[in-house]
Amino acid sequence: MSESRSAVSADAAARELARLRENIDKVDEVLVRLLNQRTKYAIEIGRIKGVLDLPLYSPEREKQVLTNVEQWSEGPLEPAAMRRLFERIIDEARAVERHASGKSS
C-alpha cells in the first residue's frame, strides 16, 4: 500500500512542479515585456538628455529608484536582493540611454 501512495504522491508532486514552472514562465514573460517597456522609456530619456546636454549618470535619480524598489519589496526577496537586481537593470538602461543620447561616455 505504501508503494502506491508514494506513486500517487510522486505523480501529484510532478504535476504541481509542472504547474508552478508554467506559472513562473508566465511571470517571466510579463517581466520581459515590462523590462522592454522600461527600456523604451530609458531610450526616450537618453534622447532628451542628448538634446538638453544633460549627463547620463544621475546619482540622485538612481538613489531614488533604488530606495523605491527596496521600499516596494514586500518579500520574499529581501530589499537588498531587489536593489541588486535593479542595479543591474539600471546599468543596462544607462547603456541604451548612452546610445540614444549620441554620447560616448
PDB file of N, CA and C in Angstrom:
ATOM      1  N   MET A   1       0.820  -1.193   0.000  1.00  0.00           N
ATOM      2  CA  MET A   1       0.000   0.000   0.000  1.00  0.00           C
ATOM      3  C   MET A   1       0.864   1.256   0.000  1.00  0.00           C
ATOM      4  N   SER A   2       1.963   1.235   0.746  1.00  0.00           N
ATOM      5  CA  SER A   2       2.799   2.427   0.819  1.00  0.00           C
ATOM      6  C   SER A   2       3.439   2.736  -0.530  1.00  0.00           C
ATOM      7  N   GLU A   3       3.721   1.709  -1.356  1.00  0.00           N
ATOM      8  CA  GLU A   3       4.292   1.947  -2.677  1.00  0.00           C
ATOM      9  C   GLU A   3       3.315   2.706  -3.561  1.00  0.00           C
ATOM     10  N   SER A   4       2.038   2.356  -3.557  1.00  0.00           N
ATOM     11  CA  SER A   4       1.073   3.048  -4.404  1.00  0.00           C
ATOM     12  C   SER A   4       0.831   4.474  -3.900  1.00  0.00           C
ATOM     13  N   ARG A   5       0.869   4.666  -2.568  1.00  0.00           N
ATOM     14  CA  ARG A   5       0.724   6.021  -2.042  1.00  0.00           C
ATOM     15  C   ARG A   5       1.918   6.877  -2.451  1.00  0.00           C
ATOM     16  N   SER A   6       3.092   6.307  -2.463  1.00  0.00           N
ATOM     17  CA  SER A   6       4.283   7.032  -2.895  1.00  0.00           C
ATOM     18  C   SER A   6       4.169   7.408  -4.364  1.00  0.00           C
ATOM     19  N   ALA A   7       3.638   6.489  -5.166  1.00  0.00           N
ATOM     20  CA  ALA A   7       3.485   6.753  -6.594  1.00  0.00           C
ATOM     21  C   ALA A   7       2.479   7.873  -6.829  1.00  0.00           C
ATOM     22  N   VAL A   8       1.364   7.835  -6.089  1.00  0.00           N
ATOM     23  CA  VAL A   8       0.357   8.900  -6.224  1.00  0.00           C
ATOM     24  C   VAL A   8       0.947  10.225  -5.774  1.00  0.00           C
ATOM     25  N   SER A   9       1.650  10.222  -4.661  1.00  0.00           N
ATOM     26  CA  SER A   9       2.266  11.444  -4.162  1.00  0.00           C
ATOM     27  C   SER A   9       3.307  11.972  -5.147  1.00  0.00           C
ATOM     28  N   ALA A  10       4.078  11.071  -5.726  1.00  0.00           N
ATOM     29  CA  ALA A  10       5.081  11.480  -6.702  1.00  0.00           C
ATOM     30  C   ALA A  10       4.409  12.047  -7.949  1.00  0.00           C
ATOM     31  N   ASP A  11       3.316  11.418  -8.391  1.00  0.00           N
ATOM     32  CA  ASP A  11       2.587  11.932  -9.556  1.00  0.00           C
ATOM     33  C   ASP A  11       2.017  13.316  -9.270  1.00  0.00           C
ATOM     34  N   ALA A  12       1.425  13.464  -8.102  1.00  0.00           N
ATOM     35  CA  ALA A  12       0.848  14.761  -7.724  1.00  0.00           C
ATOM     36  C   ALA A  12       1.942  15.812  -7.614  1.00  0.00           C
ATOM     37  N   ALA A  13       3.061  15.437  -7.054  1.00  0.00           N
ATOM     38  CA  ALA A  13       4.178  16.371  -6.919  1.00  0.00           C
ATOM     39  C   ALA A  13       4.705  16.778  -8.286  1.00  0.00           C
ATOM     40  N   ALA A  14       4.801  15.834  -9.203  1.00  0.00           N
ATOM     41  CA  ALA A  14       5.282  16.140 -10.555  1.00  0.00           C
ATOM     42  C   ALA A  14       4.324  17.095 -11.274  1.00  0.00           C
ATOM     43  N   ARG A  15       3.016  16.866 -11.098  1.00  0.00           N
ATOM     44  CA  ARG A  15       2.026  17.770 -11.707  1.00  0.00           C
ATOM     45  C   ARG A  15       2.123  19.173 -11.106  1.00  0.00           C
ATOM     46  N   GLU A  16       2.302  19.225  -9.800  1.00  0.00           N
ATOM     47  CA  GLU A  16       2.421  20.525  -9.126  1.00  0.00           C
ATOM     48  C   GLU A  16       3.687  21.254  -9.575  1.00  0.00           C
ATOM     49  N   LEU A  17       4.765  20.523  -9.724  1.00  0.00           N
ATOM     50  CA  LEU A  17       6.010  21.110 -10.211  1.00  0.00           C
ATOM     51  C   LEU A  17       5.813  21.697 -11.603  1.00  0.00           C
ATOM     52  N   ALA A  18       5.171  20.949 -12.473  1.00  0.00           N
ATOM     53  CA  ALA A  18       4.906  21.428 -13.836  1.00  0.00           C
ATOM     54  C   ALA A  18       4.019  22.673 -13.808  1.00  0.00           C
ATOM     55  N   ARG A  19       2.996  22.666 -12.951  1.00  0.00           N
ATOM     56  CA  ARG A  19       2.089  23.812 -12.852  1.00  0.00           C
ATOM     57  C   ARG A  19       2.830  25.051 -12.358  1.00  0.00           C
ATOM     58  N   LEU A  20       3.668  24.882 -11.353  1.00  0.00           N
ATOM     59  CA  LEU A  20       4.421  26.014 -10.814  1.00  0.00           C
ATOM     60  C   LEU A  20       5.419  26.558 -11.833  1.00  0.00           C
ATOM     61  N   ARG A  21       6.073  25.671 -12.567  1.00  0.00           N
ATOM     62  CA  ARG A  21       7.013  26.119 -13.607  1.00  0.00           C
ATOM     63  C   ARG A  21       6.286  26.863 -14.715  1.00  0.00           C
ATOM     64  N   GLU A  22       5.091  26.412 -15.058  1.00  0.00           N
ATOM     65  CA  GLU A  22       4.290  27.121 -16.057  1.00  0.00           C
ATOM     66  C   GLU A  22       3.933  28.522 -15.555  1.00  0.00           C
ATOM     67  N   ASN A  23       3.598  28.627 -14.283  1.00  0.00           N
ATOM     68  CA  ASN A  23       3.301  29.940 -13.703  1.00  0.00           C
ATOM     69  C   ASN A  23       4.521  30.850 -13.718  1.00  0.00           C
ATOM     70  N   ILE A  24       5.684  30.290 -13.412  1.00  0.00           N
ATOM     71  CA  ILE A  24       6.916  31.084 -13.471  1.00  0.00           C
ATOM     72  C   ILE A  24       7.171  31.557 -14.893  1.00  0.00           C
ATOM     73  N   ASP A  25       6.952  30.696 -15.879  1.00  0.00           N
ATOM     74  CA  ASP A  25       7.127  31.097 -17.279  1.00  0.00           C
ATOM     75  C   ASP A  25       6.217  32.270 -17.633  1.00  0.00           C
ATOM     76  N   LYS A  26       4.991  32.244 -17.141  1.00  0.00           N
ATOM     77  CA  LYS A  26       4.051  33.339 -17.409  1.00  0.00           C
ATOM     78  C   LYS A  26       4.521  34.635 -16.757  1.00  0.00           C
ATOM     79  N   VAL A  27       5.007  34.535 -15.520  1.00  0.00           N
ATOM     80  CA  VAL A  27       5.535  35.717 -14.836  1.00  0.00           C
ATOM     81  C   VAL A  27       6.762  36.238 -15.573  1.00  0.00           C
ATOM     82  N   ASP A  28       7.640  35.329 -15.995  1.00  0.00           N
ATOM     83  CA  ASP A  28       8.840  35.739 -16.738  1.00  0.00           C
ATOM     84  C   ASP A  28       8.466  36.479 -18.016  1.00  0.00           C
ATOM     85  N   GLU A  29       7.442  36.007 -18.701  1.00  0.00           N
ATOM     86  CA  GLU A  29       7.002  36.679 -19.930  1.00  0.00           C
ATOM     87  C   GLU A  29       6.558  38.109 -19.626  1.00  0.00           C
ATOM     88  N   VAL A  30       5.816  38.289 -18.550  1.00  0.00           N
ATOM     89  CA  VAL A  30       5.362  39.626 -18.165  1.00  0.00           C
ATOM     90  C   VAL A  30       6.555  40.497 -17.781  1.00  0.00           C
ATOM     91  N   LEU A  31       7.499  39.924 -17.030  1.00  0.00           N
ATOM     92  CA  LEU A  31       8.694  40.676 -16.647  1.00  0.00           C
ATOM     93  C   LEU A  31       9.471  41.150 -17.878  1.00  0.00           C
ATOM     94  N   VAL A  32       9.627  40.277 -18.854  1.00  0.00           N
ATOM     95  CA  VAL A  32      10.353  40.646 -20.078  1.00  0.00           C
ATOM     96  C   VAL A  32       9.646  41.805 -20.781  1.00  0.00           C
ATOM     97  N   ARG A  33       8.336  41.718 -20.889  1.00  0.00           N
ATOM     98  CA  ARG A  33       7.582  42.799 -21.536  1.00  0.00           C
ATOM     99  C   ARG A  33       7.728  44.107 -20.763  1.00  0.00           C
ATOM    100  N   LEU A  34       7.643  44.037 -19.435  1.00  0.00           N
ATOM    101  CA  LEU A  34       7.781  45.246 -18.615  1.00  0.00           C
ATOM    102  C   LEU A  34       9.193  45.821 -18.700  1.00  0.00           C
ATOM    103  N   LEU A  35      10.196  44.958 -18.692  1.00  0.00           N
ATOM    104  CA  LEU A  35      11.570  45.450 -18.808  1.00  0.00           C
ATOM    105  C   LEU A  35      11.811  46.088 -20.170  1.00  0.00           C
ATOM    106  N   ASN A  36      11.222  45.526 -21.211  1.00  0.00           N
ATOM    107  CA  ASN A  36      11.362  46.142 -22.529  1.00  0.00           C
ATOM    108  C   ASN A  36      10.643  47.490 -22.578  1.00  0.00           C
ATOM    109  N   GLN A  37       9.497  47.600 -21.932  1.00  0.00           N
ATOM    110  CA  GLN A  37       8.801  48.888 -21.877  1.00  0.00           C
ATOM    111  C   GLN A  37       9.633  49.899 -21.085  1.00  0.00           C
ATOM    112  N   ARG A  38      10.210  49.464 -19.989  1.00  0.00           N
ATOM    113  CA  ARG A  38      11.070  50.345 -19.200  1.00  0.00           C
ATOM    114  C   ARG A  38      12.248  50.826 -20.040  1.00  0.00           C
ATOM    115  N   THR A  39      12.800  49.921 -20.844  1.00  0.00           N
ATOM    116  CA  THR A  39      13.930  50.273 -21.697  1.00  0.00           C
ATOM    117  C   THR A  39      13.529  51.282 -22.768  1.00  0.00           C
ATOM    118  N   LYS A  40      12.317  51.167 -23.297  1.00  0.00           N
ATOM    119  CA  LYS A  40      11.836  52.161 -24.260  1.00  0.00           C
ATOM    120  C   LYS A  40      11.787  53.547 -23.629  1.00  0.00           C
ATOM    121  N   TYR A  41      11.354  53.611 -22.370  1.00  0.00           N
ATOM    122  CA  TYR A  41      11.361  54.898 -21.671  1.00  0.00           C
ATOM    123  C   TYR A  41      12.787  55.403 -21.482  1.00  0.00           C
ATOM    124  N   ALA A  42      13.716  54.498 -21.166  1.00  0.00           N
ATOM    125  CA  ALA A  42      15.115  54.882 -20.998  1.00  0.00           C
ATOM    126  C   ALA A  42      15.688  55.430 -22.298  1.00  0.00           C
ATOM    127  N   ILE A  43      15.301  54.850 -23.429  1.00  0.00           N
ATOM    128  CA  ILE A  43      15.757  55.354 -24.729  1.00  0.00           C
ATOM    129  C   ILE A  43      15.269  56.786 -24.936  1.00  0.00           C
ATOM    130  N   GLU A  44      14.007  57.021 -24.632  1.00  0.00           N
ATOM    131  CA  GLU A  44      13.461  58.379 -24.775  1.00  0.00           C
ATOM    132  C   GLU A  44      14.168  59.352 -23.837  1.00  0.00           C
ATOM    133  N   ILE A  45      14.439  58.910 -22.615  1.00  0.00           N
ATOM    134  CA  ILE A  45      15.163  59.755 -21.672  1.00  0.00           C
ATOM    135  C   ILE A  45      16.554  60.063 -22.207  1.00  0.00           C
ATOM    136  N   GLY A  46      17.211  59.061 -22.781  1.00  0.00           N
ATOM    137  CA  GLY A  46      18.534  59.280 -23.368  1.00  0.00           C
ATOM    138  C   GLY A  46      18.501  60.310 -24.477  1.00  0.00           C
ATOM    139  N   ARG A  47      17.488  60.236 -25.323  1.00  0.00           N
ATOM    140  CA  ARG A  47      17.359  61.224 -26.407  1.00  0.00           C
ATOM    141  C   ARG A  47      17.170  62.628 -25.840  1.00  0.00           C
ATOM    142  N   ILE A  48      16.322  62.740 -24.830  1.00  0.00           N
ATOM    143  CA  ILE A  48      16.070  64.046 -24.219  1.00  0.00           C
ATOM    144  C   ILE A  48      17.327  64.577 -23.537  1.00  0.00           C
ATOM    145  N   LYS A  49      18.055  63.706 -22.844  1.00  0.00           N
ATOM    146  CA  LYS A  49      19.304  64.125 -22.215  1.00  0.00           C
ATOM    147  C   LYS A  49      20.305  64.600 -23.262  1.00  0.00           C
ATOM    148  N   GLY A  50      20.305  63.940 -24.434  1.00  0.00           N
ATOM    149  CA  GLY A  50      21.190  64.370 -25.503  1.00  0.00           C
ATOM    150  C   GLY A  50      20.826  65.755 -26.001  1.00  0.00           C
ATOM    151  N   VAL A  51      19.543  66.022 -26.186  1.00  0.00           N
ATOM    152  CA  VAL A  51      19.083  67.336 -26.639  1.00  0.00           C
ATOM    153  C   VAL A  51      19.410  68.409 -25.606  1.00  0.00           C
ATOM    154  N   LEU A  52      19.193  68.085 -24.343  1.00  0.00           N
ATOM    155  CA  LEU A  52      19.416  69.058 -23.270  1.00  0.00           C
ATOM    156  C   LEU A  52      20.868  69.094 -22.789  1.00  0.00           C
ATOM    157  N   ASP A  53      21.697  68.239 -23.367  1.00  0.00           N
ATOM    158  CA  ASP A  53      23.105  68.120 -22.980  1.00  0.00           C
ATOM    159  C   ASP A  53      23.258  67.852 -21.479  1.00  0.00           C
ATOM    160  N   LEU A  54      22.434  66.922 -20.993  1.00  0.00           N
ATOM    161  CA  LEU A  54      22.492  66.525 -19.591  1.00  0.00           C
ATOM    162  C   LEU A  54      23.369  65.292 -19.445  1.00  0.00           C
ATOM    163  N   PRO A  55      24.005  65.117 -18.293  1.00  0.00           N
ATOM    164  CA  PRO A  55      24.804  63.908 -18.086  1.00  0.00           C
ATOM    165  C   PRO A  55      23.910  62.671 -18.036  1.00  0.00           C
ATOM    166  N   LEU A  56      24.450  61.568 -18.503  1.00  0.00           N
ATOM    167  CA  LEU A  56      23.685  60.330 -18.487  1.00  0.00           C
ATOM    168  C   LEU A  56      23.509  59.806 -17.064  1.00  0.00           C
ATOM    169  N   TYR A  57      24.562  59.922 -16.285  1.00  0.00           N
ATOM    170  CA  TYR A  57      24.510  59.417 -14.915  1.00  0.00           C
ATOM    171  C   TYR A  57      23.886  60.462 -14.011  1.00  0.00           C
ATOM    172  N   SER A  58      22.824  60.059 -13.349  1.00  0.00           N
ATOM    173  CA  SER A  58      22.117  60.932 -12.421  1.00  0.00           C
ATOM    174  C   SER A  58      22.062  60.232 -11.062  1.00  0.00           C
ATOM    175  N   PRO A  59      23.074  60.463 -10.218  1.00  0.00           N
ATOM    176  CA  PRO A  59      23.151  59.714  -8.964  1.00  0.00           C
ATOM    177  C   PRO A  59      21.937  59.896  -8.061  1.00  0.00           C
ATOM    178  N   GLU A  60      21.375  61.078  -8.026  1.00  0.00           N
ATOM    179  CA  GLU A  60      20.206  61.296  -7.169  1.00  0.00           C
ATOM    180  C   GLU A  60      18.999  60.505  -7.670  1.00  0.00           C
ATOM    181  N   ARG A  61      18.809  60.473  -8.983  1.00  0.00           N
ATOM    182  CA  ARG A  61      17.695  59.708  -9.546  1.00  0.00           C
ATOM    183  C   ARG A  61      17.906  58.214  -9.303  1.00  0.00           C
ATOM    184  N   GLU A  62      19.130  57.746  -9.506  1.00  0.00           N
ATOM    185  CA  GLU A  62      19.422  56.331  -9.271  1.00  0.00           C
ATOM    186  C   GLU A  62      19.164  55.971  -7.812  1.00  0.00           C
ATOM    187  N   LYS A  63      19.595  56.822  -6.909  1.00  0.00           N
ATOM    188  CA  LYS A  63      19.363  56.590  -5.482  1.00  0.00           C
ATOM    189  C   LYS A  63      17.864  56.526  -5.189  1.00  0.00           C
ATOM    190  N   GLN A  64      17.096  57.408  -5.826  1.00  0.00           N
ATOM    191  CA  GLN A  64      15.648  57.415  -5.634  1.00  0.00           C
ATOM    192  C   GLN A  64      15.016  56.113  -6.123  1.00  0.00           C
ATOM    193  N   VAL A  65      15.423  55.660  -7.305  1.00  0.00           N
ATOM    194  CA  VAL A  65      14.884  54.411  -7.860  1.00  0.00           C
ATOM    195  C   VAL A  65      15.202  53.240  -6.941  1.00  0.00           C
ATOM    196  N   LEU A  66      16.442  53.154  -6.480  1.00  0.00           N
ATOM    197  CA  LEU A  66      16.847  52.038  -5.624  1.00  0.00           C
ATOM    198  C   LEU A  66      16.141  52.079  -4.269  1.00  0.00           C
ATOM    199  N   THR A  67      15.955  53.262  -3.729  1.00  0.00           N
ATOM    200  CA  THR A  67      15.198  53.398  -2.478  1.00  0.00           C
ATOM    201  C   THR A  67      13.758  52.954  -2.687  1.00  0.00           C
ATOM    202  N   ASN A  68      13.172  53.376  -3.810  1.00  0.00           N
ATOM    203  CA  ASN A  68      11.788  52.978  -4.115  1.00  0.00           C
ATOM    204  C   ASN A  68      11.636  51.471  -4.171  1.00  0.00           C
ATOM    205  N   VAL A  69      12.508  50.791  -4.924  1.00  0.00           N
ATOM    206  CA  VAL A  69      12.334  49.344  -5.081  1.00  0.00           C
ATOM    207  C   VAL A  69      12.562  48.610  -3.767  1.00  0.00           C
ATOM    208  N   GLU A  70      13.462  49.120  -2.943  1.00  0.00           N
ATOM    209  CA  GLU A  70      13.649  48.496  -1.632  1.00  0.00           C
ATOM    210  C   GLU A  70      12.394  48.652  -0.777  1.00  0.00           C
ATOM    211  N   GLN A  71      11.769  49.814  -0.848  1.00  0.00           N
ATOM    212  CA  GLN A  71      10.551  50.053  -0.068  1.00  0.00           C
ATOM    213  C   GLN A  71       9.371  49.251  -0.607  1.00  0.00           C
ATOM    214  N   TRP A  72       9.305  49.082  -1.915  1.00  0.00           N
ATOM    215  CA  TRP A  72       8.189  48.358  -2.525  1.00  0.00           C
ATOM    216  C   TRP A  72       8.302  46.851  -2.339  1.00  0.00           C
ATOM    217  N   SER A  73       9.502  46.365  -2.083  1.00  0.00           N
ATOM    218  CA  SER A  73       9.709  44.923  -1.968  1.00  0.00           C
ATOM    219  C   SER A  73       9.087  44.411  -0.678  1.00  0.00           C
ATOM    220  N   GLU A  74       8.065  43.585  -0.833  1.00  0.00           N
ATOM    221  CA  GLU A  74       7.368  43.011   0.324  1.00  0.00           C
ATOM    222  C   GLU A  74       7.767  41.556   0.553  1.00  0.00           C
ATOM    223  N   GLY A  75       8.778  41.094  -0.150  1.00  0.00           N
ATOM    224  CA  GLY A  75       9.251  39.742   0.047  1.00  0.00           C
ATOM    225  C   GLY A  75       8.532  38.753  -0.856  1.00  0.00           C
ATOM    226  N   PRO A  76       9.045  37.579  -0.952  1.00  0.00           N
ATOM    227  CA  PRO A  76      10.094  37.011  -0.121  1.00  0.00           C
ATOM    228  C   PRO A  76      11.508  37.464  -0.469  1.00  0.00           C
ATOM    229  N   LEU A  77      11.702  38.144  -1.601  1.00  0.00           N
ATOM    230  CA  LEU A  77      13.040  38.686  -1.866  1.00  0.00           C
ATOM    231  C   LEU A  77      13.318  39.808  -0.876  1.00  0.00           C
ATOM    232  N   GLU A  78      14.489  39.760  -0.296  1.00  0.00           N
ATOM    233  CA  GLU A  78      14.911  40.818   0.628  1.00  0.00           C
ATOM    234  C   GLU A  78      15.097  42.122  -0.154  1.00  0.00           C
ATOM    235  N   PRO A  79      14.878  43.250   0.482  1.00  0.00           N
ATOM    236  CA  PRO A  79      15.092  44.533  -0.189  1.00  0.00           C
ATOM    237  C   PRO A  79      16.485  44.658  -0.810  1.00  0.00           C
ATOM    238  N   ALA A  80      17.504  44.144  -0.152  1.00  0.00           N
ATOM    239  CA  ALA A  80      18.862  44.219  -0.699  1.00  0.00           C
ATOM    240  C   ALA A  80      18.988  43.410  -1.989  1.00  0.00           C
ATOM    241  N   ALA A  81      18.298  42.281  -2.067  1.00  0.00           N
ATOM    242  CA  ALA A  81      18.314  41.478  -3.291  1.00  0.00           C
ATOM    243  C   ALA A  81      17.615  42.223  -4.416  1.00  0.00           C
ATOM    244  N   MET A  82      16.495  42.855  -4.096  1.00  0.00           N
ATOM    245  CA  MET A  82      15.784  43.643  -5.101  1.00  0.00           C
ATOM    246  C   MET A  82      16.655  44.800  -5.577  1.00  0.00           C
ATOM    247  N   ARG A  83      17.371  45.410  -4.662  1.00  0.00           N
ATOM    248  CA  ARG A  83      18.282  46.504  -5.009  1.00  0.00           C
ATOM    249  C   ARG A  83      19.335  46.017  -6.011  1.00  0.00           C
ATOM    250  N   ARG A  84      19.925  44.841  -5.738  1.00  0.00           N
ATOM    251  CA  ARG A  84      20.951  44.313  -6.649  1.00  0.00           C
ATOM    252  C   ARG A  84      20.378  44.052  -8.032  1.00  0.00           C
ATOM    253  N   LEU A  85      19.168  43.519  -8.097  1.00  0.00           N
ATOM    254  CA  LEU A  85      18.534  43.291  -9.402  1.00  0.00           C
ATOM    255  C   LEU A  85      18.366  44.609 -10.145  1.00  0.00           C
ATOM    256  N   PHE A  86      17.891  45.628  -9.449  1.00  0.00           N
ATOM    257  CA  PHE A  86      17.667  46.904 -10.103  1.00  0.00           C
ATOM    258  C   PHE A  86      18.956  47.642 -10.428  1.00  0.00           C
ATOM    259  N   GLU A  87      20.002  47.414  -9.671  1.00  0.00           N
ATOM    260  CA  GLU A  87      21.302  47.989 -10.049  1.00  0.00           C
ATOM    261  C   GLU A  87      21.700  47.486 -11.430  1.00  0.00           C
ATOM    262  N   ARG A  88      21.464  46.213 -11.679  1.00  0.00           N
ATOM    263  CA  ARG A  88      21.785  45.630 -12.997  1.00  0.00           C
ATOM    264  C   ARG A  88      20.874  46.197 -14.075  1.00  0.00           C
ATOM    265  N   ILE A  89      19.574  46.306 -13.765  1.00  0.00           N
ATOM    266  CA  ILE A  89      18.612  46.874 -14.716  1.00  0.00           C
ATOM    267  C   ILE A  89      19.014  48.306 -15.066  1.00  0.00           C
ATOM    268  N   ILE A  90      19.405  49.075 -14.059  1.00  0.00           N
ATOM    269  CA  ILE A  90      19.819  50.467 -14.281  1.00  0.00           C
ATOM    270  C   ILE A  90      21.078  50.517 -15.139  1.00  0.00           C
ATOM    271  N   ASP A  91      22.029  49.613 -14.897  1.00  0.00           N
ATOM    272  CA  ASP A  91      23.247  49.566 -15.725  1.00  0.00           C
ATOM    273  C   ASP A  91      22.899  49.348 -17.193  1.00  0.00           C
ATOM    274  N   GLU A  92      21.995  48.421 -17.449  1.00  0.00           N
ATOM    275  CA  GLU A  92      21.595  48.148 -18.830  1.00  0.00           C
ATOM    276  C   GLU A  92      20.831  49.331 -19.422  1.00  0.00           C
ATOM    277  N   ALA A  93      19.990  49.967 -18.617  1.00  0.00           N
ATOM    278  CA  ALA A  93      19.247  51.140 -19.091  1.00  0.00           C
ATOM    279  C   ALA A  93      20.199  52.279 -19.434  1.00  0.00           C
ATOM    280  N   ARG A  94      21.220  52.458 -18.630  1.00  0.00           N
ATOM    281  CA  ARG A  94      22.195  53.522 -18.897  1.00  0.00           C
ATOM    282  C   ARG A  94      22.909  53.270 -20.225  1.00  0.00           C
ATOM    283  N   ALA A  95      23.170  52.015 -20.542  1.00  0.00           N
ATOM    284  CA  ALA A  95      23.834  51.683 -21.811  1.00  0.00           C
ATOM    285  C   ALA A  95      22.958  52.071 -22.997  1.00  0.00           C
ATOM    286  N   VAL A  96      21.652  51.792 -22.924  1.00  0.00           N
ATOM    287  CA  VAL A  96      20.783  52.171 -24.044  1.00  0.00           C
ATOM    288  C   VAL A  96      20.557  53.678 -24.069  1.00  0.00           C
ATOM    289  N   GLU A  97      20.536  54.311 -22.895  1.00  0.00           N
ATOM    290  CA  GLU A  97      20.437  55.774 -22.850  1.00  0.00           C
ATOM    291  C   GLU A  97      21.644  56.402 -23.542  1.00  0.00           C
ATOM    292  N   ARG A  98      22.818  55.857 -23.244  1.00  0.00           N
ATOM    293  CA  ARG A  98      24.053  56.386 -23.848  1.00  0.00           C
ATOM    294  C   ARG A  98      23.982  56.323 -25.365  1.00  0.00           C
ATOM    295  N   HIS A  99      23.539  55.196 -25.855  1.00  0.00           N
ATOM    296  CA  HIS A  99      23.418  55.030 -27.308  1.00  0.00           C
ATOM    297  C   HIS A  99      22.399  56.018 -27.891  1.00  0.00           C
ATOM    298  N   ALA A 100      21.262  56.137 -27.220  1.00  0.00           N
ATOM    299  CA  ALA A 100      20.178  57.013 -27.714  1.00  0.00           C
ATOM    300  C   ALA A 100      20.564  58.480 -27.630  1.00  0.00           C
ATOM    301  N   SER A 101      21.419  58.831 -26.655  1.00  0.00           N
ATOM    302  CA  SER A 101      21.779  60.234 -26.471  1.00  0.00           C
ATOM    303  C   SER A 101      22.817  60.698 -27.489  1.00  0.00           C
ATOM    304  N   GLY A 102      23.513  59.729 -28.085  1.00  0.00           N
ATOM    305  CA  GLY A 102      24.593  60.090 -29.006  1.00  0.00           C
ATOM    306  C   GLY A 102      25.894  60.400 -28.285  1.00  0.00           C
ATOM    307  N   LYS A 103      25.910  60.185 -26.974  1.00  0.00           N
ATOM    308  CA  LYS A 103      27.126  60.456 -26.188  1.00  0.00           C
ATOM    309  C   LYS A 103      27.934  59.177 -26.075  1.00  0.00           C
ATOM    310  N   SER A 104      29.247  59.320 -25.984  1.00  0.00           N
ATOM    311  CA  SER A 104      30.106  58.153 -25.885  1.00  0.00           C
ATOM    312  C   SER A 104      30.438  57.810 -24.443  1.00  0.00           C
ATOM    313  N   SER A 105      30.204  58.723 -23.513  1.00  0.00           N
ATOM    314  CA  SER A 105      30.510  58.413 -22.107  1.00  0.00           C
ATOM    315  C   SER A 105      29.472  58.951 -21.187  1.00  0.00           C
TER     316      SER A 105
END
